[in-house]
Amino acid sequence: MVNTADLSPAKYKSWIEFWRAHKGKGRKTCAVTNCHNKDLSGAHVVNVYGTPVKNGYIIPLCNICHGKTNDTFMIDSNLLVKIEDKDTAK
């Protein structure tokens, strides 16, 4: 996966807005299993059990879980939104 820390979403103000546009606005809590925090941001993640993708995925994570870099989380894979090259601002 490329380093996505400096990427901005094309057409959206934030990655959480990008995620909501693709998955809906209904989710109010962190995507990590058994985490119920509500302070969400769009987090860049990789699916360690799936086929590697260039730009990774976005999921909604709370600030606590988002700050745990290089950790492995259990999430519902239906929450993953794949980032394509066209989704990033150049």
Protein backbone atom coordinates (compact mmCIF):
# COMPACT_ATOMS: atom_id res chain seq x y z
CA MET A 1 0.00 0.00 0.00
CA VAL A 2 1.25 3.49 -0.76
CA ASN A 3 1.64 5.98 2.07
CA THR A 4 -1.82 7.53 2.27
CA ALA A 5 -1.18 9.94 5.14
CA ASP A 6 -0.79 12.90 2.79
CA LEU A 7 -3.64 12.01 0.43
CA SER A 8 -6.82 14.06 0.42
CA PRO A 9 -10.14 12.80 -0.89
CA ALA A 10 -11.26 14.19 -4.23
CA LYS A 11 -14.72 15.80 -4.09
CA TYR A 12 -15.02 15.51 -0.28
CA LYS A 13 -13.86 17.62 2.65
CA SER A 14 -12.70 14.61 4.69
CA TRP A 15 -12.21 10.86 4.49
CA ILE A 16 -15.14 10.25 6.86
CA GLU A 17 -17.33 12.25 4.47
CA PHE A 18 -15.98 10.09 1.61
CA TRP A 19 -16.82 6.93 3.58
CA ARG A 20 -20.36 8.13 4.43
CA ALA A 21 -21.00 8.97 0.77
CA HIS A 22 -20.22 5.35 -0.14
CA LYS A 23 -21.71 3.50 2.85
CA GLY A 24 -24.38 5.81 4.24
CA LYS A 25 -24.62 8.18 7.16
CA GLY A 26 -26.18 5.71 9.59
CA ARG A 27 -23.07 4.48 11.40
CA LYS A 28 -22.45 6.45 14.59
CA THR A 29 -19.81 4.28 16.32
CA CYS A 30 -16.28 3.04 15.66
CA ALA A 31 -15.95 0.11 13.23
CA VAL A 32 -13.71 -1.87 15.60
CA THR A 33 -15.54 -4.82 17.17
CA ASN A 34 -16.65 -4.00 20.74
CA CYS A 35 -15.67 -0.31 20.50
CA HIS A 36 -18.64 2.01 20.90
CA ASN A 37 -16.86 5.38 20.78
CA LYS A 38 -18.53 8.03 18.63
CA ASP A 39 -15.77 10.52 17.76
CA LEU A 40 -15.26 9.21 14.22
CA SER A 41 -12.75 9.98 11.52
CA GLY A 42 -11.99 8.23 8.26
CA ALA A 43 -9.05 5.91 8.83
CA HIS A 44 -6.77 4.43 6.18
CA VAL A 45 -6.41 0.68 6.70
CA VAL A 46 -5.30 -2.48 4.93
CA ASN A 47 -7.19 -5.76 4.90
CA VAL A 48 -4.59 -8.23 6.16
CA TYR A 49 -6.74 -11.19 5.10
CA GLY A 50 -7.57 -9.90 1.64
CA THR A 51 -5.78 -9.20 -1.59
CA PRO A 52 -3.42 -6.22 -1.19
CA VAL A 53 -4.64 -3.04 -2.85
CA LYS A 54 -2.56 -0.01 -3.80
CA ASN A 55 -4.33 2.71 -1.77
CA GLY A 56 -5.96 0.66 1.00
CA TYR A 57 -9.41 1.24 2.44
CA ILE A 58 -11.28 3.80 4.53
CA ILE A 59 -13.29 2.84 7.59
CA PRO A 60 -14.79 4.92 10.41
CA LEU A 61 -12.60 4.72 13.51
CA CYS A 62 -12.75 6.63 16.77
CA ASN A 63 -9.75 8.78 17.69
CA ILE A 64 -8.49 6.17 20.18
CA CYS A 65 -8.52 3.25 17.71
CA HIS A 66 -7.27 5.49 14.89
CA GLY A 67 -4.23 6.35 16.98
CA LYS A 68 -3.18 2.70 17.31
CA THR A 69 -0.94 2.42 14.26
CA ASN A 70 0.25 -1.02 13.19
CA ASP A 71 -2.39 -2.76 15.32
CA THR A 72 -4.68 -5.46 13.99
CA PHE A 73 -8.43 -4.88 14.47
CA MET A 74 -11.45 -7.05 13.88
CA ILE A 75 -14.07 -5.22 11.86
CA ASP A 76 -17.02 -6.03 9.63
CA SER A 77 -15.47 -6.20 6.14
CA ASN A 78 -18.71 -4.75 4.71
CA LEU A 79 -17.58 -1.42 6.19
CA LEU A 80 -14.45 -1.20 4.02
CA VAL A 81 -14.46 1.34 1.19
CA LYS A 82 -11.63 0.77 -1.28
CA ILE A 83 -9.68 3.88 -2.27
CA GLU A 84 -9.08 4.08 -6.01
CA ASP A 85 -6.61 6.48 -7.63
CA LYS A 86 -9.56 8.55 -8.90
CA ASP A 87 -10.72 9.03 -5.28
CA THR A 88 -7.63 10.99 -4.25
CA ALA A 89 -6.84 14.64 -4.94
CA LYS A 90 -3.69 15.02 -6.98
